[in-house]
Amino acid sequence: RKVSISRFTRNFGTMLGAGVPILHALSIVGETSGNYVIEEALRRV
């Protein structure tokens, strides 16, 4: 769980800092989180 959250927050922060639109960033970080539960949660977010 901690690994997945670390991966999600790092990727999300990197993409937002690079100017990627927030909806697009949520879609990408969900796919790269490495866990289906977090991916589905971010899809609902």
ModelCIF file with pLDDT and N, C-alpha, C, O atoms, coordinates in Angstrom:
data_MODEL
#
_entry.id   MODEL 
#
_entity.id                         1 
_entity.type                       polymer 
_entity.pdbx_number_of_molecules   1 
#
_entity_poly.entity_id                      1 
_entity_poly.type                           'polypeptide(L)' 
_entity_poly.nstd_linkage                   no 
_entity_poly.nstd_monomer                   no 
_entity_poly.pdbx_seq_one_letter_code       RKVSISRFTRNFGTMLGAGVPILHALSIVGETSGNYVIEEALRRV 
_entity_poly.pdbx_seq_one_letter_code_can   RKVSISRFTRNFGTMLGAGVPILHALSIVGETSGNYVIEEALRRV 
_entity_poly.pdbx_strand_id                 A 
#
loop_
_entity_poly_seq.entity_id 
_entity_poly_seq.num 
_entity_poly_seq.mon_id 
_entity_poly_seq.hetero 
1 1  ARG n 
1 2  LYS n 
1 3  VAL n 
1 4  SER n 
1 5  ILE n 
1 6  SER n 
1 7  ARG n 
1 8  PHE n 
1 9  THR n 
1 10 ARG n 
1 11 ASN n 
1 12 PHE n 
1 13 GLY n 
1 14 THR n 
1 15 MET n 
1 16 LEU n 
1 17 GLY n 
1 18 ALA n 
1 19 GLY n 
1 20 VAL n 
1 21 PRO n 
1 22 ILE n 
1 23 LEU n 
1 24 HIS n 
1 25 ALA n 
1 26 LEU n 
1 27 SER n 
1 28 ILE n 
1 29 VAL n 
1 30 GLY n 
1 31 GLU n 
1 32 THR n 
1 33 SER n 
1 34 GLY n 
1 35 ASN n 
1 36 TYR n 
1 37 VAL n 
1 38 ILE n 
1 39 GLU n 
1 40 GLU n 
1 41 ALA n 
1 42 LEU n 
1 43 ARG n 
1 44 ARG n 
1 45 VAL n 
#
_struct_asym.id          A 
_struct_asym.entity_id   1 
#
loop_
_ma_qa_metric.id 
_ma_qa_metric.mode 
_ma_qa_metric.name 
_ma_qa_metric.software_group_id 
_ma_qa_metric.type 
1 global pLDDT . pLDDT 
2 local  pLDDT . pLDDT 
#
_ma_qa_metric_global.metric_id      1 
_ma_qa_metric_global.metric_value   85.62 
_ma_qa_metric_global.model_id       1 
_ma_qa_metric_global.ordinal_id     1 
#
loop_
_ma_qa_metric_local.label_asym_id 
_ma_qa_metric_local.label_comp_id 
_ma_qa_metric_local.label_seq_id 
_ma_qa_metric_local.metric_id 
_ma_qa_metric_local.metric_value 
_ma_qa_metric_local.model_id 
_ma_qa_metric_local.ordinal_id 
A ARG 1  2 89.00 1 1  
A LYS 2  2 88.00 1 2  
A VAL 3  2 85.00 1 3  
A SER 4  2 86.00 1 4  
A ILE 5  2 89.00 1 5  
A SER 6  2 87.00 1 6  
A ARG 7  2 85.00 1 7  
A PHE 8  2 87.00 1 8  
A THR 9  2 89.00 1 9  
A ARG 10 2 86.00 1 10 
A ASN 11 2 85.00 1 11 
A PHE 12 2 88.00 1 12 
A GLY 13 2 87.00 1 13 
A THR 14 2 85.00 1 14 
A MET 15 2 83.00 1 15 
A LEU 16 2 87.00 1 16 
A GLY 17 2 84.00 1 17 
A ALA 18 2 79.00 1 18 
A GLY 19 2 81.00 1 19 
A VAL 20 2 82.00 1 20 
A PRO 21 2 86.00 1 21 
A ILE 22 2 88.00 1 22 
A LEU 23 2 88.00 1 23 
A HIS 24 2 83.00 1 24 
A ALA 25 2 86.00 1 25 
A LEU 26 2 88.00 1 26 
A SER 27 2 83.00 1 27 
A ILE 28 2 81.00 1 28 
A VAL 29 2 84.00 1 29 
A GLY 30 2 82.00 1 30 
A GLU 31 2 76.00 1 31 
A THR 32 2 75.00 1 32 
A SER 33 2 76.00 1 33 
A GLY 34 2 76.00 1 34 
A ASN 35 2 84.00 1 35 
A TYR 36 2 88.00 1 36 
A VAL 37 2 90.00 1 37 
A ILE 38 2 89.00 1 38 
A GLU 39 2 88.00 1 39 
A GLU 40 2 91.00 1 40 
A ALA 41 2 92.00 1 41 
A LEU 42 2 91.00 1 42 
A ARG 43 2 91.00 1 43 
A ARG 44 2 93.00 1 44 
A VAL 45 2 92.00 1 45 
#
loop_
_atom_site.group_PDB 
_atom_site.id 
_atom_site.type_symbol 
_atom_site.label_atom_id 
_atom_site.label_alt_id 
_atom_site.label_comp_id 
_atom_site.label_asym_id 
_atom_site.label_entity_id 
_atom_site.label_seq_id 
_atom_site.pdbx_PDB_ins_code 
_atom_site.Cartn_x 
_atom_site.Cartn_y 
_atom_site.Cartn_z 
_atom_site.occupancy 
_atom_site.B_iso_or_equiv 
_atom_site.pdbx_formal_charge 
_atom_site.auth_seq_id 
_atom_site.auth_comp_id 
_atom_site.auth_asym_id 
_atom_site.auth_atom_id 
_atom_site.pdbx_PDB_model_num 
ATOM 1   N N  . ARG A 1 1  ? 0.833   -1.201 0.000   1.00 89.00 ? 1  ARG A N  1 
ATOM 2   C CA . ARG A 1 1  ? 0.000   0.000  0.000   1.00 89.00 ? 1  ARG A CA 1 
ATOM 3   C C  . ARG A 1 1  ? 0.876   1.263  0.000   1.00 89.00 ? 1  ARG A C  1 
ATOM 4   O O  . ARG A 1 1  ? 0.621   2.204  -0.752  1.00 89.00 ? 1  ARG A O  1 
ATOM 5   N N  . LYS A 1 2  ? 1.893   1.269  0.840   1.00 88.00 ? 2  LYS A N  1 
ATOM 6   C CA . LYS A 1 2  ? 2.782   2.432  0.911   1.00 88.00 ? 2  LYS A CA 1 
ATOM 7   C C  . LYS A 1 2  ? 3.543   2.622  -0.408  1.00 88.00 ? 2  LYS A C  1 
ATOM 8   O O  . LYS A 1 2  ? 3.751   3.753  -0.848  1.00 88.00 ? 2  LYS A O  1 
ATOM 9   N N  . VAL A 1 3  ? 3.949   1.535  -1.025  1.00 85.00 ? 3  VAL A N  1 
ATOM 10  C CA . VAL A 1 3  ? 4.645   1.626  -2.312  1.00 85.00 ? 3  VAL A CA 1 
ATOM 11  C C  . VAL A 1 3  ? 3.732   2.242  -3.369  1.00 85.00 ? 3  VAL A C  1 
ATOM 12  O O  . VAL A 1 3  ? 4.156   3.125  -4.115  1.00 85.00 ? 3  VAL A O  1 
ATOM 13  N N  . SER A 1 4  ? 2.486   1.784  -3.439  1.00 86.00 ? 4  SER A N  1 
ATOM 14  C CA . SER A 1 4  ? 1.537   2.296  -4.436  1.00 86.00 ? 4  SER A CA 1 
ATOM 15  C C  . SER A 1 4  ? 1.238   3.771  -4.211  1.00 86.00 ? 4  SER A C  1 
ATOM 16  O O  . SER A 1 4  ? 1.153   4.536  -5.171  1.00 86.00 ? 4  SER A O  1 
ATOM 17  N N  . ILE A 1 5  ? 1.076   4.183  -2.954  1.00 89.00 ? 5  ILE A N  1 
ATOM 18  C CA . ILE A 1 5  ? 0.789   5.592  -2.653  1.00 89.00 ? 5  ILE A CA 1 
ATOM 19  C C  . ILE A 1 5  ? 2.002   6.459  -2.986  1.00 89.00 ? 5  ILE A C  1 
ATOM 20  O O  . ILE A 1 5  ? 1.851   7.556  -3.524  1.00 89.00 ? 5  ILE A O  1 
ATOM 21  N N  . SER A 1 6  ? 3.190   5.978  -2.671  1.00 87.00 ? 6  SER A N  1 
ATOM 22  C CA . SER A 1 6  ? 4.408   6.720  -3.009  1.00 87.00 ? 6  SER A CA 1 
ATOM 23  C C  . SER A 1 6  ? 4.523   6.910  -4.513  1.00 87.00 ? 6  SER A C  1 
ATOM 24  O O  . SER A 1 6  ? 4.843   8.002  -4.981  1.00 87.00 ? 6  SER A O  1 
ATOM 25  N N  . ARG A 1 7  ? 4.262   5.849  -5.272  1.00 85.00 ? 7  ARG A N  1 
ATOM 26  C CA . ARG A 1 7  ? 4.347   5.920  -6.735  1.00 85.00 ? 7  ARG A CA 1 
ATOM 27  C C  . ARG A 1 7  ? 3.294   6.876  -7.294  1.00 85.00 ? 7  ARG A C  1 
ATOM 28  O O  . ARG A 1 7  ? 3.582   7.664  -8.195  1.00 85.00 ? 7  ARG A O  1 
ATOM 29  N N  . PHE A 1 8  ? 2.083   6.804  -6.763  1.00 87.00 ? 8  PHE A N  1 
ATOM 30  C CA . PHE A 1 8  ? 1.002   7.676  -7.237  1.00 87.00 ? 8  PHE A CA 1 
ATOM 31  C C  . PHE A 1 8  ? 1.322   9.142  -6.981  1.00 87.00 ? 8  PHE A C  1 
ATOM 32  O O  . PHE A 1 8  ? 1.212   9.963  -7.892  1.00 87.00 ? 8  PHE A O  1 
ATOM 33  N N  . THR A 1 9  ? 1.716   9.485  -5.755  1.00 89.00 ? 9  THR A N  1 
ATOM 34  C CA . THR A 1 9  ? 1.955   10.893 -5.419  1.00 89.00 ? 9  THR A CA 1 
ATOM 35  C C  . THR A 1 9  ? 3.163   11.453 -6.170  1.00 89.00 ? 9  THR A C  1 
ATOM 36  O O  . THR A 1 9  ? 3.147   12.609 -6.592  1.00 89.00 ? 9  THR A O  1 
ATOM 37  N N  . ARG A 1 10 ? 4.208   10.642 -6.340  1.00 86.00 ? 10 ARG A N  1 
ATOM 38  C CA . ARG A 1 10 ? 5.380   11.132 -7.060  1.00 86.00 ? 10 ARG A CA 1 
ATOM 39  C C  . ARG A 1 10 ? 5.046   11.405 -8.527  1.00 86.00 ? 10 ARG A C  1 
ATOM 40  O O  . ARG A 1 10 ? 5.390   12.459 -9.062  1.00 86.00 ? 10 ARG A O  1 
ATOM 41  N N  . ASN A 1 11 ? 4.377   10.453 -9.168  1.00 85.00 ? 11 ASN A N  1 
ATOM 42  C CA . ASN A 1 11 ? 4.024   10.631 -10.582 1.00 85.00 ? 11 ASN A CA 1 
ATOM 43  C C  . ASN A 1 11 ? 3.036   11.776 -10.775 1.00 85.00 ? 11 ASN A C  1 
ATOM 44  O O  . ASN A 1 11 ? 3.162   12.559 -11.717 1.00 85.00 ? 11 ASN A O  1 
ATOM 45  N N  . PHE A 1 12 ? 2.053   11.872 -9.881  1.00 88.00 ? 12 PHE A N  1 
ATOM 46  C CA . PHE A 1 12 ? 1.043   12.932 -9.987  1.00 88.00 ? 12 PHE A CA 1 
ATOM 47  C C  . PHE A 1 12 ? 1.694   14.306 -9.824  1.00 88.00 ? 12 PHE A C  1 
ATOM 48  O O  . PHE A 1 12 ? 1.411   15.229 -10.588 1.00 88.00 ? 12 PHE A O  1 
ATOM 49  N N  . GLY A 1 13 ? 2.571   14.434 -8.818  1.00 87.00 ? 13 GLY A N  1 
ATOM 50  C CA . GLY A 1 13 ? 3.255   15.705 -8.607  1.00 87.00 ? 13 GLY A CA 1 
ATOM 51  C C  . GLY A 1 13 ? 4.154   16.075 -9.767  1.00 87.00 ? 13 GLY A C  1 
ATOM 52  O O  . GLY A 1 13 ? 4.219   17.243 -10.150 1.00 87.00 ? 13 GLY A O  1 
ATOM 53  N N  . THR A 1 14 ? 4.852   15.096 -10.336 1.00 85.00 ? 14 THR A N  1 
ATOM 54  C CA . THR A 1 14 ? 5.738   15.361 -11.472 1.00 85.00 ? 14 THR A CA 1 
ATOM 55  C C  . THR A 1 14 ? 4.957   15.857 -12.675 1.00 85.00 ? 14 THR A C  1 
ATOM 56  O O  . THR A 1 14 ? 5.381   16.795 -13.351 1.00 85.00 ? 14 THR A O  1 
ATOM 57  N N  . MET A 1 15 ? 3.816   15.233 -12.946 1.00 83.00 ? 15 MET A N  1 
ATOM 58  C CA . MET A 1 15 ? 3.022   15.609 -14.121 1.00 83.00 ? 15 MET A CA 1 
ATOM 59  C C  . MET A 1 15 ? 2.375   16.981 -13.933 1.00 83.00 ? 15 MET A C  1 
ATOM 60  O O  . MET A 1 15 ? 2.328   17.776 -14.871 1.00 83.00 ? 15 MET A O  1 
ATOM 61  N N  . LEU A 1 16 ? 1.878   17.263 -12.729 1.00 87.00 ? 16 LEU A N  1 
ATOM 62  C CA . LEU A 1 16 ? 1.303   18.589 -12.487 1.00 87.00 ? 16 LEU A CA 1 
ATOM 63  C C  . LEU A 1 16 ? 2.374   19.671 -12.575 1.00 87.00 ? 16 LEU A C  1 
ATOM 64  O O  . LEU A 1 16 ? 2.125   20.753 -13.109 1.00 87.00 ? 16 LEU A O  1 
ATOM 65  N N  . GLY A 1 17 ? 3.568   19.382 -12.052 1.00 84.00 ? 17 GLY A N  1 
ATOM 66  C CA . GLY A 1 17 ? 4.655   20.346 -12.126 1.00 84.00 ? 17 GLY A CA 1 
ATOM 67  C C  . GLY A 1 17 ? 5.105   20.612 -13.546 1.00 84.00 ? 17 GLY A C  1 
ATOM 68  O O  . GLY A 1 17 ? 5.622   21.689 -13.841 1.00 84.00 ? 17 GLY A O  1 
ATOM 69  N N  . ALA A 1 18 ? 4.914   19.632 -14.441 1.00 79.00 ? 18 ALA A N  1 
ATOM 70  C CA . ALA A 1 18 ? 5.293   19.802 -15.844 1.00 79.00 ? 18 ALA A CA 1 
ATOM 71  C C  . ALA A 1 18 ? 4.192   20.453 -16.673 1.00 79.00 ? 18 ALA A C  1 
ATOM 72  O O  . ALA A 1 18 ? 4.365   20.681 -17.870 1.00 79.00 ? 18 ALA A O  1 
ATOM 73  N N  . GLY A 1 19 ? 3.049   20.756 -16.033 1.00 81.00 ? 19 GLY A N  1 
ATOM 74  C CA . GLY A 1 19 ? 1.978   21.438 -16.754 1.00 81.00 ? 19 GLY A CA 1 
ATOM 75  C C  . GLY A 1 19 ? 0.975   20.538 -17.436 1.00 81.00 ? 19 GLY A C  1 
ATOM 76  O O  . GLY A 1 19 ? 0.187   21.005 -18.259 1.00 81.00 ? 19 GLY A O  1 
ATOM 77  N N  . VAL A 1 20 ? 0.986   19.248 -17.109 1.00 82.00 ? 20 VAL A N  1 
ATOM 78  C CA . VAL A 1 20 ? 0.009   18.326 -17.695 1.00 82.00 ? 20 VAL A CA 1 
ATOM 79  C C  . VAL A 1 20 ? -1.359  18.614 -17.075 1.00 82.00 ? 20 VAL A C  1 
ATOM 80  O O  . VAL A 1 20 ? -1.450  18.750 -15.855 1.00 82.00 ? 20 VAL A O  1 
ATOM 81  N N  . PRO A 1 21 ? -2.431  18.711 -17.878 1.00 86.00 ? 21 PRO A N  1 
ATOM 82  C CA . PRO A 1 21 ? -3.773  18.947 -17.321 1.00 86.00 ? 21 PRO A CA 1 
ATOM 83  C C  . PRO A 1 21 ? -4.138  17.900 -16.273 1.00 86.00 ? 21 PRO A C  1 
ATOM 84  O O  . PRO A 1 21 ? -3.764  16.733 -16.396 1.00 86.00 ? 21 PRO A O  1 
ATOM 85  N N  . ILE A 1 22 ? -4.867  18.320 -15.247 1.00 88.00 ? 22 ILE A N  1 
ATOM 86  C CA . ILE A 1 22 ? -5.092  17.474 -14.080 1.00 88.00 ? 22 ILE A CA 1 
ATOM 87  C C  . ILE A 1 22 ? -5.864  16.196 -14.423 1.00 88.00 ? 22 ILE A C  1 
ATOM 88  O O  . ILE A 1 22 ? -5.563  15.134 -13.879 1.00 88.00 ? 22 ILE A O  1 
ATOM 89  N N  . LEU A 1 23 ? -6.851  16.284 -15.312 1.00 88.00 ? 23 LEU A N  1 
ATOM 90  C CA . LEU A 1 23 ? -7.613  15.090 -15.692 1.00 88.00 ? 23 LEU A CA 1 
ATOM 91  C C  . LEU A 1 23 ? -6.733  14.095 -16.450 1.00 88.00 ? 23 LEU A C  1 
ATOM 92  O O  . LEU A 1 23 ? -6.803  12.884 -16.240 1.00 88.00 ? 23 LEU A O  1 
ATOM 93  N N  . HIS A 1 24 ? -5.912  14.645 -17.329 1.00 83.00 ? 24 HIS A N  1 
ATOM 94  C CA . HIS A 1 24 ? -4.998  13.789 -18.080 1.00 83.00 ? 24 HIS A CA 1 
ATOM 95  C C  . HIS A 1 24 ? -3.993  13.149 -17.133 1.00 83.00 ? 24 HIS A C  1 
ATOM 96  O O  . HIS A 1 24 ? -3.664  11.972 -17.279 1.00 83.00 ? 24 HIS A O  1 
ATOM 97  N N  . ALA A 1 25 ? -3.500  13.922 -16.156 1.00 86.00 ? 25 ALA A N  1 
ATOM 98  C CA . ALA A 1 25 ? -2.532  13.409 -15.192 1.00 86.00 ? 25 ALA A CA 1 
ATOM 99  C C  . ALA A 1 25 ? -3.133  12.298 -14.341 1.00 86.00 ? 25 ALA A C  1 
ATOM 100 O O  . ALA A 1 25 ? -2.466  11.297 -14.078 1.00 86.00 ? 25 ALA A O  1 
ATOM 101 N N  . LEU A 1 26 ? -4.377  12.454 -13.906 1.00 88.00 ? 26 LEU A N  1 
ATOM 102 C CA . LEU A 1 26 ? -5.033  11.425 -13.100 1.00 88.00 ? 26 LEU A CA 1 
ATOM 103 C C  . LEU A 1 26 ? -5.167  10.119 -13.871 1.00 88.00 ? 26 LEU A C  1 
ATOM 104 O O  . LEU A 1 26 ? -5.010  9.037  -13.305 1.00 88.00 ? 26 LEU A O  1 
ATOM 105 N N  . SER A 1 27 ? -5.455  10.224 -15.156 1.00 83.00 ? 27 SER A N  1 
ATOM 106 C CA . SER A 1 27 ? -5.580  9.016  -15.972 1.00 83.00 ? 27 SER A CA 1 
ATOM 107 C C  . SER A 1 27 ? -4.242  8.296  -16.095 1.00 83.00 ? 27 SER A C  1 
ATOM 108 O O  . SER A 1 27 ? -4.180  7.071  -15.985 1.00 83.00 ? 27 SER A O  1 
ATOM 109 N N  . ILE A 1 28 ? -3.178  9.053  -16.321 1.00 81.00 ? 28 ILE A N  1 
ATOM 110 C CA . ILE A 1 28 ? -1.859  8.438  -16.503 1.00 81.00 ? 28 ILE A CA 1 
ATOM 111 C C  . ILE A 1 28 ? -1.342  7.846  -15.198 1.00 81.00 ? 28 ILE A C  1 
ATOM 112 O O  . ILE A 1 28 ? -0.848  6.718  -15.191 1.00 81.00 ? 28 ILE A O  1 
ATOM 113 N N  . VAL A 1 29 ? -1.443  8.583  -14.091 1.00 84.00 ? 29 VAL A N  1 
ATOM 114 C CA . VAL A 1 29 ? -0.899  8.081  -12.818 1.00 84.00 ? 29 VAL A CA 1 
ATOM 115 C C  . VAL A 1 29 ? -1.690  6.885  -12.319 1.00 84.00 ? 29 VAL A C  1 
ATOM 116 O O  . VAL A 1 29 ? -1.149  6.043  -11.602 1.00 84.00 ? 29 VAL A O  1 
ATOM 117 N N  . GLY A 1 30 ? -2.963  6.798  -12.686 1.00 82.00 ? 30 GLY A N  1 
ATOM 118 C CA . GLY A 1 30 ? -3.735  5.612  -12.335 1.00 82.00 ? 30 GLY A CA 1 
ATOM 119 C C  . GLY A 1 30 ? -3.180  4.374  -13.018 1.00 82.00 ? 30 GLY A C  1 
ATOM 120 O O  . GLY A 1 30 ? -3.082  3.308  -12.410 1.00 82.00 ? 30 GLY A O  1 
ATOM 121 N N  . GLU A 1 31 ? -2.817  4.524  -14.294 1.00 76.00 ? 31 GLU A N  1 
ATOM 122 C CA . GLU A 1 31 ? -2.270  3.390  -15.044 1.00 76.00 ? 31 GLU A CA 1 
ATOM 123 C C  . GLU A 1 31 ? -0.879  2.999  -14.554 1.00 76.00 ? 31 GLU A C  1 
ATOM 124 O O  . GLU A 1 31 ? -0.498  1.831  -14.631 1.00 76.00 ? 31 GLU A O  1 
ATOM 125 N N  . THR A 1 32 ? -0.114  3.982  -14.044 1.00 75.00 ? 32 THR A N  1 
ATOM 126 C CA . THR A 1 32 ? 1.259   3.707  -13.612 1.00 75.00 ? 32 THR A CA 1 
ATOM 127 C C  . THR A 1 32 ? 1.376   3.441  -12.111 1.00 75.00 ? 32 THR A C  1 
ATOM 128 O O  . THR A 1 32 ? 2.483   3.272  -11.601 1.00 75.00 ? 32 THR A O  1 
ATOM 129 N N  . SER A 1 33 ? 0.248   3.402  -11.400 1.00 76.00 ? 33 SER A N  1 
ATOM 130 C CA . SER A 1 33 ? 0.301   3.195  -9.949  1.00 76.00 ? 33 SER A CA 1 
ATOM 131 C C  . SER A 1 33 ? 0.734   1.782  -9.586  1.00 76.00 ? 33 SER A C  1 
ATOM 132 O O  . SER A 1 33 ? 1.279   1.558  -8.505  1.00 76.00 ? 33 SER A O  1 
ATOM 133 N N  . GLY A 1 34 ? 0.494   0.827  -10.483 1.00 76.00 ? 34 GLY A N  1 
ATOM 134 C CA . GLY A 1 34 ? 0.894   -0.551 -10.231 1.00 76.00 ? 34 GLY A CA 1 
ATOM 135 C C  . GLY A 1 34 ? -0.103  -1.352 -9.433  1.00 76.00 ? 34 GLY A C  1 
ATOM 136 O O  . GLY A 1 34 ? 0.179   -2.490 -9.060  1.00 76.00 ? 34 GLY A O  1 
ATOM 137 N N  . ASN A 1 35 ? -1.296  -0.769 -9.153  1.00 84.00 ? 35 ASN A N  1 
ATOM 138 C CA . ASN A 1 35 ? -2.305  -1.500 -8.398  1.00 84.00 ? 35 ASN A CA 1 
ATOM 139 C C  . ASN A 1 35 ? -3.696  -1.164 -8.935  1.00 84.00 ? 35 ASN A C  1 
ATOM 140 O O  . ASN A 1 35 ? -4.038  0.003  -9.122  1.00 84.00 ? 35 ASN A O  1 
ATOM 141 N N  . TYR A 1 36 ? -4.483  -2.200 -9.177  1.00 88.00 ? 36 TYR A N  1 
ATOM 142 C CA . TYR A 1 36 ? -5.806  -2.025 -9.775  1.00 88.00 ? 36 TYR A CA 1 
ATOM 143 C C  . TYR A 1 36 ? -6.742  -1.246 -8.864  1.00 88.00 ? 36 TYR A C  1 
ATOM 144 O O  . TYR A 1 36 ? -7.573  -0.476 -9.345  1.00 88.00 ? 36 TYR A O  1 
ATOM 145 N N  . VAL A 1 37 ? -6.619  -1.439 -7.536  1.00 90.00 ? 37 VAL A N  1 
ATOM 146 C CA . VAL A 1 37 ? -7.494  -0.744 -6.591  1.00 90.00 ? 37 VAL A CA 1 
ATOM 147 C C  . VAL A 1 37 ? -7.295  0.768  -6.682  1.00 90.00 ? 37 VAL A C  1 
ATOM 148 O O  . VAL A 1 37 ? -8.264  1.525  -6.741  1.00 90.00 ? 37 VAL A O  1 
ATOM 149 N N  . ILE A 1 38 ? -6.041  1.198  -6.694  1.00 89.00 ? 38 ILE A N  1 
ATOM 150 C CA . ILE A 1 38 ? -5.739  2.632  -6.788  1.00 89.00 ? 38 ILE A CA 1 
ATOM 151 C C  . ILE A 1 38 ? -6.114  3.171  -8.164  1.00 89.00 ? 38 ILE A C  1 
ATOM 152 O O  . ILE A 1 38 ? -6.588  4.301  -8.275  1.00 89.00 ? 38 ILE A O  1 
ATOM 153 N N  . GLU A 1 39 ? -5.911  2.381  -9.206  1.00 88.00 ? 39 GLU A N  1 
ATOM 154 C CA . GLU A 1 39 ? -6.281  2.809  -10.551 1.00 88.00 ? 39 GLU A CA 1 
ATOM 155 C C  . GLU A 1 39 ? -7.790  3.074  -10.646 1.00 88.00 ? 39 GLU A C  1 
ATOM 156 O O  . GLU A 1 39 ? -8.209  4.085  -11.208 1.00 88.00 ? 39 GLU A O  1 
ATOM 157 N N  . GLU A 1 40 ? -8.604  2.163  -10.094 1.00 91.00 ? 40 GLU A N  1 
ATOM 158 C CA . GLU A 1 40 ? -10.056 2.360  -10.115 1.00 91.00 ? 40 GLU A CA 1 
ATOM 159 C C  . GLU A 1 40 ? -10.461 3.547  -9.248  1.00 91.00 ? 40 GLU A C  1 
ATOM 160 O O  . GLU A 1 40 ? -11.367 4.295  -9.613  1.00 91.00 ? 40 GLU A O  1 
ATOM 161 N N  . ALA A 1 41 ? -9.799  3.729  -8.098  1.00 92.00 ? 41 ALA A N  1 
ATOM 162 C CA . ALA A 1 41 ? -10.107 4.861  -7.228  1.00 92.00 ? 41 ALA A CA 1 
ATOM 163 C C  . ALA A 1 41 ? -9.814  6.181  -7.935  1.00 92.00 ? 41 ALA A C  1 
ATOM 164 O O  . ALA A 1 41 ? -10.607 7.118  -7.846  1.00 92.00 ? 41 ALA A O  1 
ATOM 165 N N  . LEU A 1 42 ? -8.698  6.262  -8.626  1.00 91.00 ? 42 LEU A N  1 
ATOM 166 C CA . LEU A 1 42 ? -8.340  7.491  -9.340  1.00 91.00 ? 42 LEU A CA 1 
ATOM 167 C C  . LEU A 1 42 ? -9.245  7.728  -10.536 1.00 91.00 ? 42 LEU A C  1 
ATOM 168 O O  . LEU A 1 42 ? -9.453  8.873  -10.939 1.00 91.00 ? 42 LEU A O  1 
ATOM 169 N N  . ARG A 1 43 ? -9.782  6.663  -11.106 1.00 91.00 ? 43 ARG A N  1 
ATOM 170 C CA . ARG A 1 43 ? -10.742 6.841  -12.200 1.00 91.00 ? 43 ARG A CA 1 
ATOM 171 C C  . ARG A 1 43 ? -12.029 7.491  -11.680 1.00 91.00 ? 43 ARG A C  1 
ATOM 172 O O  . ARG A 1 43 ? -12.622 8.343  -12.342 1.00 91.00 ? 43 ARG A O  1 
ATOM 173 N N  . ARG A 1 44 ? -12.447 7.071  -10.482 1.00 93.00 ? 44 ARG A N  1 
ATOM 174 C CA . ARG A 1 44 ? -13.631 7.699  -9.881  1.00 93.00 ? 44 ARG A CA 1 
ATOM 175 C C  . ARG A 1 44 ? -13.336 9.144  -9.467  1.00 93.00 ? 44 ARG A C  1 
ATOM 176 O O  . ARG A 1 44 ? -14.195 10.017 -9.589  1.00 93.00 ? 44 ARG A O  1 
ATOM 177 N N  . VAL A 1 45 ? -12.116 9.391  -8.976  1.00 92.00 ? 45 VAL A N  1 
ATOM 178 C CA . VAL A 1 45 ? -11.725 10.763 -8.633  1.00 92.00 ? 45 VAL A CA 1 
ATOM 179 C C  . VAL A 1 45 ? -11.743 11.646 -9.873  1.00 92.00 ? 45 VAL A C  1 
ATOM 180 O O  . VAL A 1 45 ? -11.443 12.837 -9.786  1.00 92.00 ? 45 VAL A O  1 
#
